[in-house]
């Protein structure tokens, strides 16, 4: 299992300098790729990625994930190409439809998400090839080009996906997928949708990689790890589709209570309403041994794991614990 991808998500809720230090630590621990998450209320992911590039030598770097609603797709292509330039060709491009509730805070309607994501990375590939492009679709571009040297090769495109249509589209057209799930049952279902997409994948698109983009919380104390998982799990539950809740017998009323508290901005209440069952379903939480077992179960269905937020109650220690858990899982 030596070809398993080890990825990590670093969230710019902390200053870029600290995120850069965490990226360097992740590289030293053997991680292959580091994503900087993108939320309008946190620090800018591309500024953070630039600092991460300065602090590292080999690890691949990219946004995980940006969306083509907050920022025009041509601008996203230029930003990603800039990271590729400053990192000497290590950039990847993580793109998705964005979180509907966050976009609604900005007065943005997330219309035709699948088509918009596909058009975004199709256009980006043309721009990275040095072409001047015009586009009329879910967005408009006229005679657009990038005023920088094109990347030596097309940046690998990873689509953030959860629903069946986005999963199948990514398998048909992208270089990889970041599956927004942590539980083996959800990953098994996603693998089936990806197989359907791969059946229609043109040979010239080359290899495809499926990665579980999983919420993870690991610490030397199980209860501390689970407690740290409450905030991200609350947000995951708040946006979970009914079929996902039904798949795991999560009480719809309990999930609605979490969602309602989030919408009211009452975050402590929302976090308190997260149940143990919700943590079990939507996060891989516990000690290194526990997390390694969960990683091994997930790897039955994917090509690698991106260790996502919150990482753990102690970020620096969590990078090391997560690396050890991945190593144990891949030796199994």
C-alpha atoms as a PDB file:
ATOM      1  CA  UNK A   1       0.000   0.000   0.000  1.00  0.00           C
ATOM      2  CA  UNK A   2       2.985   2.278  -0.549  1.00  0.00           C
ATOM      3  CA  UNK A   3       1.202   4.291  -3.255  1.00  0.00           C
ATOM      4  CA  UNK A   4      -1.470   5.541  -0.861  1.00  0.00           C
ATOM      5  CA  UNK A   5      -1.649   9.349  -0.903  1.00  0.00           C
ATOM      6  CA  UNK A   6      -1.248  11.036   2.471  1.00  0.00           C
ATOM      7  CA  UNK A   7      -2.816  14.502   2.408  1.00  0.00           C
ATOM      8  CA  UNK A   8      -3.593  17.147   4.998  1.00  0.00           C
ATOM      9  CA  UNK A   9      -5.917  20.153   5.151  1.00  0.00           C
ATOM     10  CA  UNK A  10      -4.581  23.236   6.926  1.00  0.00           C
ATOM     11  CA  UNK A  11      -7.171  25.853   7.809  1.00  0.00           C
ATOM     12  CA  UNK A  12      -6.105  29.530   7.684  1.00  0.00           C
ATOM     13  CA  UNK A  13      -8.013  30.391  10.833  1.00  0.00           C
ATOM     14  CA  UNK A  14      -4.480  30.949  12.131  1.00  0.00           C
ATOM     15  CA  UNK A  15      -1.877  33.385  10.724  1.00  0.00           C
ATOM     16  CA  UNK A  16      -0.133  32.288   7.500  1.00  0.00           C
ATOM     17  CA  UNK A  17       3.185  31.971   9.330  1.00  0.00           C
ATOM     18  CA  UNK A  18       1.772  29.282  11.619  1.00  0.00           C
ATOM     19  CA  UNK A  19       0.122  27.453   8.723  1.00  0.00           C
ATOM     20  CA  UNK A  20       3.453  27.518   6.872  1.00  0.00           C
ATOM     21  CA  UNK A  21       5.145  25.967   9.906  1.00  0.00           C
ATOM     22  CA  UNK A  22       2.482  23.257  10.003  1.00  0.00           C
ATOM     23  CA  UNK A  23       3.036  22.600   6.279  1.00  0.00           C
ATOM     24  CA  UNK A  24       6.769  22.187   6.909  1.00  0.00           C
ATOM     25  CA  UNK A  25       5.982  19.797   9.757  1.00  0.00           C
ATOM     26  CA  UNK A  26       3.600  17.851   7.509  1.00  0.00           C
ATOM     27  CA  UNK A  27       6.286  17.574   4.829  1.00  0.00           C
ATOM     28  CA  UNK A  28       8.787  16.304   7.407  1.00  0.00           C
ATOM     29  CA  UNK A  29       6.207  13.727   8.518  1.00  0.00           C
ATOM     30  CA  UNK A  30       5.890  12.395   4.973  1.00  0.00           C
ATOM     31  CA  UNK A  31       2.640  13.937   3.768  1.00  0.00           C
ATOM     32  CA  UNK A  32       2.376  14.138  -0.023  1.00  0.00           C
ATOM     33  CA  UNK A  33      -0.002  17.074  -0.439  1.00  0.00           C
ATOM     34  CA  UNK A  34      -1.236  19.953   1.735  1.00  0.00           C
ATOM     35  CA  UNK A  35      -4.447  21.841   1.024  1.00  0.00           C
ATOM     36  CA  UNK A  36      -5.254  25.289   2.401  1.00  0.00           C
ATOM     37  CA  UNK A  37      -8.990  25.485   2.974  1.00  0.00           C
ATOM     38  CA  UNK A  38     -10.984  28.402   1.602  1.00  0.00           C
ATOM     39  CA  UNK A  39     -13.708  30.160   3.598  1.00  0.00           C
ATOM     40  CA  UNK A  40     -14.501  33.847   3.218  1.00  0.00           C
ATOM     41  CA  UNK A  41     -14.260  34.380   6.983  1.00  0.00           C
ATOM     42  CA  UNK A  42     -10.710  32.972   7.263  1.00  0.00           C
ATOM     43  CA  UNK A  43      -7.417  34.259   5.895  1.00  0.00           C
ATOM     44  CA  UNK A  44      -6.834  34.121   2.154  1.00  0.00           C
ATOM     45  CA  UNK A  45      -5.852  30.615   1.003  1.00  0.00           C
ATOM     46  CA  UNK A  46      -3.569  31.755  -1.818  1.00  0.00           C
ATOM     47  CA  UNK A  47      -1.602  34.142   0.407  1.00  0.00           C
ATOM     48  CA  UNK A  48      -1.293  31.271   2.863  1.00  0.00           C
ATOM     49  CA  UNK A  49      -0.225  28.845   0.133  1.00  0.00           C
ATOM     50  CA  UNK A  50       2.512  31.252  -0.913  1.00  0.00           C
ATOM     51  CA  UNK A  51       3.913  31.149   2.617  1.00  0.00           C
ATOM     52  CA  UNK A  52       3.539  27.369   2.645  1.00  0.00           C
ATOM     53  CA  UNK A  53       5.540  27.185  -0.594  1.00  0.00           C
ATOM     54  CA  UNK A  54       8.356  29.211   0.947  1.00  0.00           C
ATOM     55  CA  UNK A  55       8.482  26.909   3.961  1.00  0.00           C
ATOM     56  CA  UNK A  56       8.561  23.599   2.053  1.00  0.00           C
ATOM     57  CA  UNK A  57      10.499  21.864  -0.706  1.00  0.00           C
ATOM     58  CA  UNK A  58       8.620  18.880  -2.098  1.00  0.00           C
ATOM     59  CA  UNK A  59       5.067  18.619  -0.796  1.00  0.00           C
ATOM     60  CA  UNK A  60       2.352  19.438  -3.323  1.00  0.00           C
ATOM     61  CA  UNK A  61       0.199  22.457  -2.471  1.00  0.00           C
ATOM     62  CA  UNK A  62      -3.213  23.756  -3.414  1.00  0.00           C
ATOM     63  CA  UNK A  63      -6.500  25.263  -2.286  1.00  0.00           C
ATOM     64  CA  UNK A  64      -8.872  22.774  -0.786  1.00  0.00           C
ATOM     65  CA  UNK A  65     -11.233  23.921  -2.106  1.00  0.00           C
ATOM     66  CA  UNK A  66     -12.033  27.224  -3.829  1.00  0.00           C
ATOM     67  CA  UNK A  67     -15.321  27.883  -5.581  1.00  0.00           C
ATOM     68  CA  UNK A  68     -16.149  29.795  -8.793  1.00  0.00           C
ATOM     69  CA  UNK A  69     -18.858  31.922  -7.197  1.00  0.00           C
ATOM     70  CA  UNK A  70     -16.886  34.092  -4.791  1.00  0.00           C
ATOM     71  CA  UNK A  71     -14.077  34.522  -7.351  1.00  0.00           C
ATOM     72  CA  UNK A  72     -14.217  34.581 -11.154  1.00  0.00           C
ATOM     73  CA  UNK A  73     -12.826  31.356 -12.706  1.00  0.00           C
ATOM     74  CA  UNK A  74     -10.196  33.234 -14.738  1.00  0.00           C
ATOM     75  CA  UNK A  75      -8.897  34.812 -11.546  1.00  0.00           C
ATOM     76  CA  UNK A  76      -8.823  31.402  -9.847  1.00  0.00           C
ATOM     77  CA  UNK A  77      -6.754  30.035 -12.725  1.00  0.00           C
ATOM     78  CA  UNK A  78      -4.283  32.915 -12.368  1.00  0.00           C
ATOM     79  CA  UNK A  79      -4.030  32.442  -8.608  1.00  0.00           C
ATOM     80  CA  UNK A  80      -3.409  28.711  -8.935  1.00  0.00           C
ATOM     81  CA  UNK A  81      -0.797  29.300 -11.645  1.00  0.00           C
ATOM     82  CA  UNK A  82       0.928  31.798  -9.366  1.00  0.00           C
ATOM     83  CA  UNK A  83       1.197  29.180  -6.618  1.00  0.00           C
ATOM     84  CA  UNK A  84       2.605  26.758  -9.170  1.00  0.00           C
ATOM     85  CA  UNK A  85       5.213  29.363 -10.132  1.00  0.00           C
ATOM     86  CA  UNK A  86       6.333  30.214  -6.592  1.00  0.00           C
ATOM     87  CA  UNK A  87       6.415  26.528  -5.595  1.00  0.00           C
ATOM     88  CA  UNK A  88       8.447  25.440  -8.644  1.00  0.00           C
ATOM     89  CA  UNK A  89       5.673  23.333 -10.128  1.00  0.00           C
ATOM     90  CA  UNK A  90       4.122  21.777  -7.021  1.00  0.00           C
ATOM     91  CA  UNK A  91       0.600  23.205  -7.279  1.00  0.00           C
ATOM     92  CA  UNK A  92      -2.657  21.315  -7.491  1.00  0.00           C
ATOM     93  CA  UNK A  93      -6.076  22.904  -8.019  1.00  0.00           C
ATOM     94  CA  UNK A  94      -8.838  21.978  -5.593  1.00  0.00           C
ATOM     95  CA  UNK A  95     -12.175  23.323  -6.779  1.00  0.00           C
ATOM     96  CA  UNK A  96     -15.776  22.715  -5.803  1.00  0.00           C
ATOM     97  CA  UNK A  97     -19.204  24.299  -5.684  1.00  0.00           C
ATOM     98  CA  UNK A  98     -18.729  25.880  -2.263  1.00  0.00           C
ATOM     99  CA  UNK A  99     -20.897  25.723   0.816  1.00  0.00           C
ATOM    100  CA  UNK A 100     -24.441  26.875   0.078  1.00  0.00           C
ATOM    101  CA  UNK A 101     -24.980  28.463   3.499  1.00  0.00           C
ATOM    102  CA  UNK A 102     -21.690  30.388   3.394  1.00  0.00           C
ATOM    103  CA  UNK A 103     -22.426  31.663  -0.088  1.00  0.00           C
ATOM    104  CA  UNK A 104     -25.887  32.755   1.014  1.00  0.00           C
ATOM    105  CA  UNK A 105     -24.191  34.927   3.676  1.00  0.00           C
ATOM    106  CA  UNK A 106     -22.649  36.817   0.754  1.00  0.00           C
ATOM    107  CA  UNK A 107     -25.884  37.055  -1.182  1.00  0.00           C
ATOM    108  CA  UNK A 108     -24.579  34.578  -3.764  1.00  0.00           C
ATOM    109  CA  UNK A 109     -26.897  32.040  -5.380  1.00  0.00           C
ATOM    110  CA  UNK A 110     -25.163  28.730  -6.079  1.00  0.00           C
ATOM    111  CA  UNK A 111     -26.823  28.066  -9.437  1.00  0.00           C
ATOM    112  CA  UNK A 112     -25.944  25.099 -11.709  1.00  0.00           C
ATOM    113  CA  UNK A 113     -23.024  23.977  -9.491  1.00  0.00           C
ATOM    114  CA  UNK A 114     -21.944  20.938 -11.496  1.00  0.00           C
ATOM    115  CA  UNK A 115     -21.809  22.815 -14.794  1.00  0.00           C
ATOM    116  CA  UNK A 116     -20.054  25.803 -13.225  1.00  0.00           C
ATOM    117  CA  UNK A 117     -17.325  23.660 -11.634  1.00  0.00           C
ATOM    118  CA  UNK A 118     -16.726  21.736 -14.864  1.00  0.00           C
ATOM    119  CA  UNK A 119     -16.570  24.930 -16.942  1.00  0.00           C
ATOM    120  CA  UNK A 120     -14.186  26.446 -14.388  1.00  0.00           C
ATOM    121  CA  UNK A 121     -11.493  23.808 -14.630  1.00  0.00           C
ATOM    122  CA  UNK A 122     -11.958  23.300 -18.365  1.00  0.00           C
ATOM    123  CA  UNK A 123     -11.289  27.018 -18.816  1.00  0.00           C
ATOM    124  CA  UNK A 124      -8.372  26.916 -16.371  1.00  0.00           C
ATOM    125  CA  UNK A 125      -6.698  24.145 -18.338  1.00  0.00           C
ATOM    126  CA  UNK A 126      -6.887  26.239 -21.501  1.00  0.00           C
ATOM    127  CA  UNK A 127      -5.434  29.264 -19.718  1.00  0.00           C
ATOM    128  CA  UNK A 128      -2.629  27.178 -18.200  1.00  0.00           C
ATOM    129  CA  UNK A 129      -1.807  26.002 -21.719  1.00  0.00           C
ATOM    130  CA  UNK A 130      -1.173  29.631 -22.679  1.00  0.00           C
ATOM    131  CA  UNK A 131      -4.352  30.079 -24.691  1.00  0.00           C
ATOM    132  CA  UNK A 132      -6.535  33.174 -24.994  1.00  0.00           C
ATOM    133  CA  UNK A 133     -10.093  32.129 -24.219  1.00  0.00           C
ATOM    134  CA  UNK A 134     -13.622  33.381 -24.577  1.00  0.00           C
ATOM    135  CA  UNK A 135     -16.467  31.653 -22.795  1.00  0.00           C
ATOM    136  CA  UNK A 136     -20.224  32.051 -22.499  1.00  0.00           C
ATOM    137  CA  UNK A 137     -21.875  29.662 -20.069  1.00  0.00           C
ATOM    138  CA  UNK A 138     -22.474  29.792 -16.343  1.00  0.00           C
ATOM    139  CA  UNK A 139     -20.008  32.683 -16.409  1.00  0.00           C
ATOM    140  CA  UNK A 140     -18.540  34.952 -19.089  1.00  0.00           C
ATOM    141  CA  UNK A 141     -14.951  35.506 -20.208  1.00  0.00           C
ATOM    142  CA  UNK A 142     -13.901  37.455 -23.290  1.00  0.00           C
ATOM    143  CA  UNK A 143     -10.403  37.275 -24.782  1.00  0.00           C
ATOM    144  CA  UNK A 144      -8.951  36.335 -21.398  1.00  0.00           C
ATOM    145  CA  UNK A 145      -5.368  35.170 -20.956  1.00  0.00           C
ATOM    146  CA  UNK A 146      -2.734  34.960 -18.236  1.00  0.00           C
ATOM    147  CA  UNK A 147       0.195  37.351 -18.194  1.00  0.00           C
ATOM    148  CA  UNK A 148       2.654  34.810 -16.822  1.00  0.00           C
ATOM    149  CA  UNK A 149       4.627  31.880 -18.126  1.00  0.00           C
ATOM    150  CA  UNK A 150       2.304  28.886 -18.476  1.00  0.00           C
ATOM    151  CA  UNK A 151       2.924  26.041 -16.030  1.00  0.00           C
ATOM    152  CA  UNK A 152       5.239  23.340 -17.365  1.00  0.00           C
ATOM    153  CA  UNK A 153       2.273  20.982 -17.273  1.00  0.00           C
ATOM    154  CA  UNK A 154      -1.424  21.213 -16.519  1.00  0.00           C
ATOM    155  CA  UNK A 155      -2.095  21.518 -12.800  1.00  0.00           C
ATOM    156  CA  UNK A 156      -3.831  18.412 -11.419  1.00  0.00           C
ATOM    157  CA  UNK A 157      -7.490  19.226 -10.793  1.00  0.00           C
ATOM    158  CA  UNK A 158      -9.205  17.767  -7.710  1.00  0.00           C
ATOM    159  CA  UNK A 159     -12.949  18.310  -7.410  1.00  0.00           C
ATOM    160  CA  UNK A 160     -14.527  18.583  -3.983  1.00  0.00           C
ATOM    161  CA  UNK A 161     -17.610  16.386  -4.167  1.00  0.00           C
ATOM    162  CA  UNK A 162     -20.281  14.756  -2.061  1.00  0.00           C
ATOM    163  CA  UNK A 163     -23.366  14.258  -4.213  1.00  0.00           C
ATOM    164  CA  UNK A 164     -23.724  11.595  -6.934  1.00  0.00           C
ATOM    165  CA  UNK A 165     -23.620  13.911  -9.952  1.00  0.00           C
ATOM    166  CA  UNK A 166     -20.492  15.798  -8.845  1.00  0.00           C
ATOM    167  CA  UNK A 167     -18.751  12.518  -7.990  1.00  0.00           C
ATOM    168  CA  UNK A 168     -19.507  11.064 -11.426  1.00  0.00           C
ATOM    169  CA  UNK A 169     -18.509  14.279 -13.206  1.00  0.00           C
ATOM    170  CA  UNK A 170     -15.173  14.416 -11.402  1.00  0.00           C
ATOM    171  CA  UNK A 171     -14.413  10.818 -12.334  1.00  0.00           C
ATOM    172  CA  UNK A 172     -15.169  11.524 -15.983  1.00  0.00           C
ATOM    173  CA  UNK A 173     -13.325  14.830 -16.359  1.00  0.00           C
ATOM    174  CA  UNK A 174     -10.952  15.715 -13.473  1.00  0.00           C
ATOM    175  CA  UNK A 175      -7.655  14.283 -12.234  1.00  0.00           C
ATOM    176  CA  UNK A 176      -8.988  13.433  -8.815  1.00  0.00           C
ATOM    177  CA  UNK A 177     -11.808  13.846  -6.337  1.00  0.00           C
ATOM    178  CA  UNK A 178     -11.874  15.017  -2.733  1.00  0.00           C
ATOM    179  CA  UNK A 179     -14.784  13.085  -1.224  1.00  0.00           C
ATOM    180  CA  UNK A 180     -16.387  15.015   1.602  1.00  0.00           C
ATOM    181  CA  UNK A 181     -16.885  11.999   3.867  1.00  0.00           C
ATOM    182  CA  UNK A 182     -15.240  10.121   6.724  1.00  0.00           C
ATOM    183  CA  UNK A 183     -17.354   6.990   7.224  1.00  0.00           C
ATOM    184  CA  UNK A 184     -16.624   3.776   5.271  1.00  0.00           C
ATOM    185  CA  UNK A 185     -20.293   3.396   4.366  1.00  0.00           C
ATOM    186  CA  UNK A 186     -20.346   6.827   2.721  1.00  0.00           C
ATOM    187  CA  UNK A 187     -17.011   6.193   1.003  1.00  0.00           C
ATOM    188  CA  UNK A 188     -18.230   2.842  -0.319  1.00  0.00           C
ATOM    189  CA  UNK A 189     -21.307   4.530  -1.770  1.00  0.00           C
ATOM    190  CA  UNK A 190     -19.138   7.278  -3.284  1.00  0.00           C
ATOM    191  CA  UNK A 191     -16.813   4.677  -4.827  1.00  0.00           C
ATOM    192  CA  UNK A 192     -19.788   3.210  -6.660  1.00  0.00           C
ATOM    193  CA  UNK A 193     -20.710   6.590  -8.123  1.00  0.00           C
ATOM    194  CA  UNK A 194     -17.086   7.199  -9.108  1.00  0.00           C
ATOM    195  CA  UNK A 195     -16.976   3.847 -10.920  1.00  0.00           C
ATOM    196  CA  UNK A 196     -19.980   4.948 -12.956  1.00  0.00           C
ATOM    197  CA  UNK A 197     -18.155   8.110 -13.954  1.00  0.00           C
ATOM    198  CA  UNK A 198     -14.929   6.279 -14.776  1.00  0.00           C
ATOM    199  CA  UNK A 199     -16.829   4.070 -17.215  1.00  0.00           C
ATOM    200  CA  UNK A 200     -17.293   7.183 -19.392  1.00  0.00           C
ATOM    201  CA  UNK A 201     -13.804   8.629 -18.832  1.00  0.00           C
ATOM    202  CA  UNK A 202     -11.836   9.291 -22.040  1.00  0.00           C
ATOM    203  CA  UNK A 203      -8.511   7.457 -22.157  1.00  0.00           C
ATOM    204  CA  UNK A 204      -6.610  10.682 -22.839  1.00  0.00           C
ATOM    205  CA  UNK A 205      -7.540  12.007 -19.389  1.00  0.00           C
ATOM    206  CA  UNK A 206      -5.108   9.529 -17.830  1.00  0.00           C
ATOM    207  CA  UNK A 207      -5.120   8.234 -14.273  1.00  0.00           C
ATOM    208  CA  UNK A 208      -7.665   9.282 -11.663  1.00  0.00           C
ATOM    209  CA  UNK A 209      -7.264   9.479  -7.886  1.00  0.00           C
ATOM    210  CA  UNK A 210     -10.006   9.333  -5.267  1.00  0.00           C
ATOM    211  CA  UNK A 211      -9.194  10.822  -1.865  1.00  0.00           C
ATOM    212  CA  UNK A 212     -11.321  10.859   1.266  1.00  0.00           C
ATOM    213  CA  UNK A 213     -11.351  14.465   2.472  1.00  0.00           C
ATOM    214  CA  UNK A 214     -12.221  13.449   6.017  1.00  0.00           C
ATOM    215  CA  UNK A 215     -12.715  15.406   9.190  1.00  0.00           C
ATOM    216  CA  UNK A 216     -10.131  14.007  11.621  1.00  0.00           C
ATOM    217  CA  UNK A 217      -9.393  14.697  15.265  1.00  0.00           C
ATOM    218  CA  UNK A 218      -6.525  12.772  16.832  1.00  0.00           C
ATOM    219  CA  UNK A 219      -4.901  13.161  20.245  1.00  0.00           C
ATOM    220  CA  UNK A 220      -3.322  11.060  22.967  1.00  0.00           C
ATOM    221  CA  UNK A 221      -6.618  11.277  24.845  1.00  0.00           C
ATOM    222  CA  UNK A 222      -9.764   9.905  23.200  1.00  0.00           C
ATOM    223  CA  UNK A 223     -12.202  12.241  24.954  1.00  0.00           C
ATOM    224  CA  UNK A 224     -10.133  15.318  24.107  1.00  0.00           C
ATOM    225  CA  UNK A 225     -10.033  14.294  20.454  1.00  0.00           C
ATOM    226  CA  UNK A 226     -13.792  13.787  20.341  1.00  0.00           C
ATOM    227  CA  UNK A 227     -14.466  17.089  22.089  1.00  0.00           C
ATOM    228  CA  UNK A 228     -12.334  18.930  19.520  1.00  0.00           C
ATOM    229  CA  UNK A 229     -14.424  17.324  16.770  1.00  0.00           C
ATOM    230  CA  UNK A 230     -17.652  19.022  17.851  1.00  0.00           C
ATOM    231  CA  UNK A 231     -17.330  22.293  15.879  1.00  0.00           C
ATOM    232  CA  UNK A 232     -16.560  20.786  12.442  1.00  0.00           C
ATOM    233  CA  UNK A 233     -19.102  18.009  12.968  1.00  0.00           C
ATOM    234  CA  UNK A 234     -21.768  20.598  13.762  1.00  0.00           C
ATOM    235  CA  UNK A 235     -21.149  22.324  10.440  1.00  0.00           C
ATOM    236  CA  UNK A 236     -21.082  19.008   8.576  1.00  0.00           C
ATOM    237  CA  UNK A 237     -24.369  17.944  10.168  1.00  0.00           C
ATOM    238  CA  UNK A 238     -25.874  21.340   9.397  1.00  0.00           C
ATOM    239  CA  UNK A 239     -25.260  20.800   5.696  1.00  0.00           C
ATOM    240  CA  UNK A 240     -25.867  17.049   5.509  1.00  0.00           C
ATOM    241  CA  UNK A 241     -28.403  15.805   2.992  1.00  0.00           C
ATOM    242  CA  UNK A 242     -31.318  13.707   4.204  1.00  0.00           C
ATOM    243  CA  UNK A 243     -30.115  10.537   2.424  1.00  0.00           C
ATOM    244  CA  UNK A 244     -26.811  10.739   4.345  1.00  0.00           C
ATOM    245  CA  UNK A 245     -28.598  11.147   7.666  1.00  0.00           C
ATOM    246  CA  UNK A 246     -30.908   8.260   6.823  1.00  0.00           C
ATOM    247  CA  UNK A 247     -27.969   6.048   5.817  1.00  0.00           C
ATOM    248  CA  UNK A 248     -26.644   6.335   9.368  1.00  0.00           C
ATOM    249  CA  UNK A 249     -29.936   6.559  11.287  1.00  0.00           C
ATOM    250  CA  UNK A 250     -29.105  10.067  12.485  1.00  0.00           C
ATOM    251  CA  UNK A 251     -32.221  11.605  13.985  1.00  0.00           C
ATOM    252  CA  UNK A 252     -33.470  14.275  11.573  1.00  0.00           C
ATOM    253  CA  UNK A 253     -34.863  16.402  14.409  1.00  0.00           C
ATOM    254  CA  UNK A 254     -31.536  16.334  16.271  1.00  0.00           C
ATOM    255  CA  UNK A 255     -29.729  17.346  13.096  1.00  0.00           C
ATOM    256  CA  UNK A 256     -32.244  20.151  12.532  1.00  0.00           C
ATOM    257  CA  UNK A 257     -31.598  21.432  16.048  1.00  0.00           C
ATOM    258  CA  UNK A 258     -27.882  21.681  15.245  1.00  0.00           C
ATOM    259  CA  UNK A 259     -28.599  23.427  11.953  1.00  0.00           C
ATOM    260  CA  UNK A 260     -31.042  25.876  13.517  1.00  0.00           C
ATOM    261  CA  UNK A 261     -28.545  26.863  16.211  1.00  0.00           C
ATOM    262  CA  UNK A 262     -25.911  27.501  13.556  1.00  0.00           C
ATOM    263  CA  UNK A 263     -28.302  29.669  11.552  1.00  0.00           C
ATOM    264  CA  UNK A 264     -29.037  31.715  14.686  1.00  0.00           C
ATOM    265  CA  UNK A 265     -25.298  32.157  15.197  1.00  0.00           C
ATOM    266  CA  UNK A 266     -25.485  30.341  18.541  1.00  0.00           C
ATOM    267  CA  UNK A 267     -22.338  28.285  18.023  1.00  0.00           C
ATOM    268  CA  UNK A 268     -21.848  26.949  21.578  1.00  0.00           C
ATOM    269  CA  UNK A 269     -25.411  25.617  21.541  1.00  0.00           C
ATOM    270  CA  UNK A 270     -24.877  24.021  18.138  1.00  0.00           C
ATOM    271  CA  UNK A 271     -21.682  22.326  19.299  1.00  0.00           C
ATOM    272  CA  UNK A 272     -23.384  21.071  22.475  1.00  0.00           C
ATOM    273  CA  UNK A 273     -26.152  19.511  20.396  1.00  0.00           C
ATOM    274  CA  UNK A 274     -23.675  17.334  18.486  1.00  0.00           C
ATOM    275  CA  UNK A 275     -24.220  13.731  19.595  1.00  0.00           C
ATOM    276  CA  UNK A 276     -21.730  10.885  19.901  1.00  0.00           C
ATOM    277  CA  UNK A 277     -23.398   9.206  16.914  1.00  0.00           C
ATOM    278  CA  UNK A 278     -22.806  12.320  14.822  1.00  0.00           C
ATOM    279  CA  UNK A 279     -19.118  12.356  15.743  1.00  0.00           C
ATOM    280  CA  UNK A 280     -18.813   8.656  14.860  1.00  0.00           C
ATOM    281  CA  UNK A 281     -20.367   9.216  11.431  1.00  0.00           C
ATOM    282  CA  UNK A 282     -18.880  12.528  10.364  1.00  0.00           C
ATOM    283  CA  UNK A 283     -15.407  12.510  11.901  1.00  0.00           C
ATOM    284  CA  UNK A 284     -12.543  10.095  12.465  1.00  0.00           C
ATOM    285  CA  UNK A 285     -11.814  10.912  16.089  1.00  0.00           C
ATOM    286  CA  UNK A 286      -9.762   9.295  18.822  1.00  0.00           C
ATOM    287  CA  UNK A 287      -6.273   8.159  19.693  1.00  0.00           C
ATOM    288  CA  UNK A 288      -3.701   7.179  17.084  1.00  0.00           C
ATOM    289  CA  UNK A 289      -4.742   3.538  17.370  1.00  0.00           C
ATOM    290  CA  UNK A 290      -8.430   4.299  16.925  1.00  0.00           C
ATOM    291  CA  UNK A 291      -7.813   6.642  14.011  1.00  0.00           C
ATOM    292  CA  UNK A 292      -5.498   4.128  12.317  1.00  0.00           C
ATOM    293  CA  UNK A 293      -8.282   1.535  12.384  1.00  0.00           C
ATOM    294  CA  UNK A 294     -10.719   4.005  10.849  1.00  0.00           C
ATOM    295  CA  UNK A 295      -8.158   5.007   8.211  1.00  0.00           C
ATOM    296  CA  UNK A 296      -7.655   1.370   7.263  1.00  0.00           C
ATOM    297  CA  UNK A 297     -11.418   0.912   6.848  1.00  0.00           C
ATOM    298  CA  UNK A 298     -11.639   4.039   4.684  1.00  0.00           C
ATOM    299  CA  UNK A 299      -8.757   2.899   2.486  1.00  0.00           C
ATOM    300  CA  UNK A 300     -10.815  -0.079   1.384  1.00  0.00           C
ATOM    301  CA  UNK A 301     -12.686   2.379  -0.845  1.00  0.00           C
ATOM    302  CA  UNK A 302     -10.281   5.216  -1.783  1.00  0.00           C
ATOM    303  CA  UNK A 303      -6.748   5.819  -3.040  1.00  0.00           C
ATOM    304  CA  UNK A 304      -5.731   8.018  -0.127  1.00  0.00           C
ATOM    305  CA  UNK A 305      -6.846  10.227   2.721  1.00  0.00           C
ATOM    306  CA  UNK A 306      -6.692  13.955   3.282  1.00  0.00           C
ATOM    307  CA  UNK A 307      -6.622  14.535   7.039  1.00  0.00           C
ATOM    308  CA  UNK A 308      -9.080  17.379   7.419  1.00  0.00           C
ATOM    309  CA  UNK A 309     -10.141  19.856  10.093  1.00  0.00           C
ATOM    310  CA  UNK A 310      -9.950  20.015  13.063  1.00  0.00           C
ATOM    311  CA  UNK A 311      -6.851  17.717  13.056  1.00  0.00           C
ATOM    312  CA  UNK A 312      -6.953  17.655  16.871  1.00  0.00           C
ATOM    313  CA  UNK A 313      -6.865  19.783  20.020  1.00  0.00           C
ATOM    314  CA  UNK A 314      -3.097  20.351  19.531  1.00  0.00           C
ATOM    315  CA  UNK A 315      -2.374  21.057  15.868  1.00  0.00           C
ATOM    316  CA  UNK A 316       1.366  20.424  15.943  1.00  0.00           C
ATOM    317  CA  UNK A 317       0.989  17.142  17.800  1.00  0.00           C
ATOM    318  CA  UNK A 318      -1.964  16.158  15.604  1.00  0.00           C
ATOM    319  CA  UNK A 319       0.174  16.359  12.440  1.00  0.00           C
ATOM    320  CA  UNK A 320       2.519  13.781  13.938  1.00  0.00           C
ATOM    321  CA  UNK A 321      -0.260  11.596  15.343  1.00  0.00           C
ATOM    322  CA  UNK A 322      -2.101  11.623  12.006  1.00  0.00           C
ATOM    323  CA  UNK A 323       1.058  10.694  10.122  1.00  0.00           C
ATOM    324  CA  UNK A 324       1.625   7.771  12.466  1.00  0.00           C
ATOM    325  CA  UNK A 325      -2.010   6.660  12.082  1.00  0.00           C
ATOM    326  CA  UNK A 326      -1.715   6.745   8.285  1.00  0.00           C
ATOM    327  CA  UNK A 327       1.509   4.749   8.443  1.00  0.00           C
ATOM    328  CA  UNK A 328      -0.136   2.111  10.632  1.00  0.00           C
ATOM    329  CA  UNK A 329      -3.164   1.960   8.354  1.00  0.00           C
ATOM    330  CA  UNK A 330      -1.097   1.535   5.206  1.00  0.00           C
ATOM    331  CA  UNK A 331       1.042  -1.182   6.821  1.00  0.00           C
ATOM    332  CA  UNK A 332      -2.070  -3.159   7.684  1.00  0.00           C
END
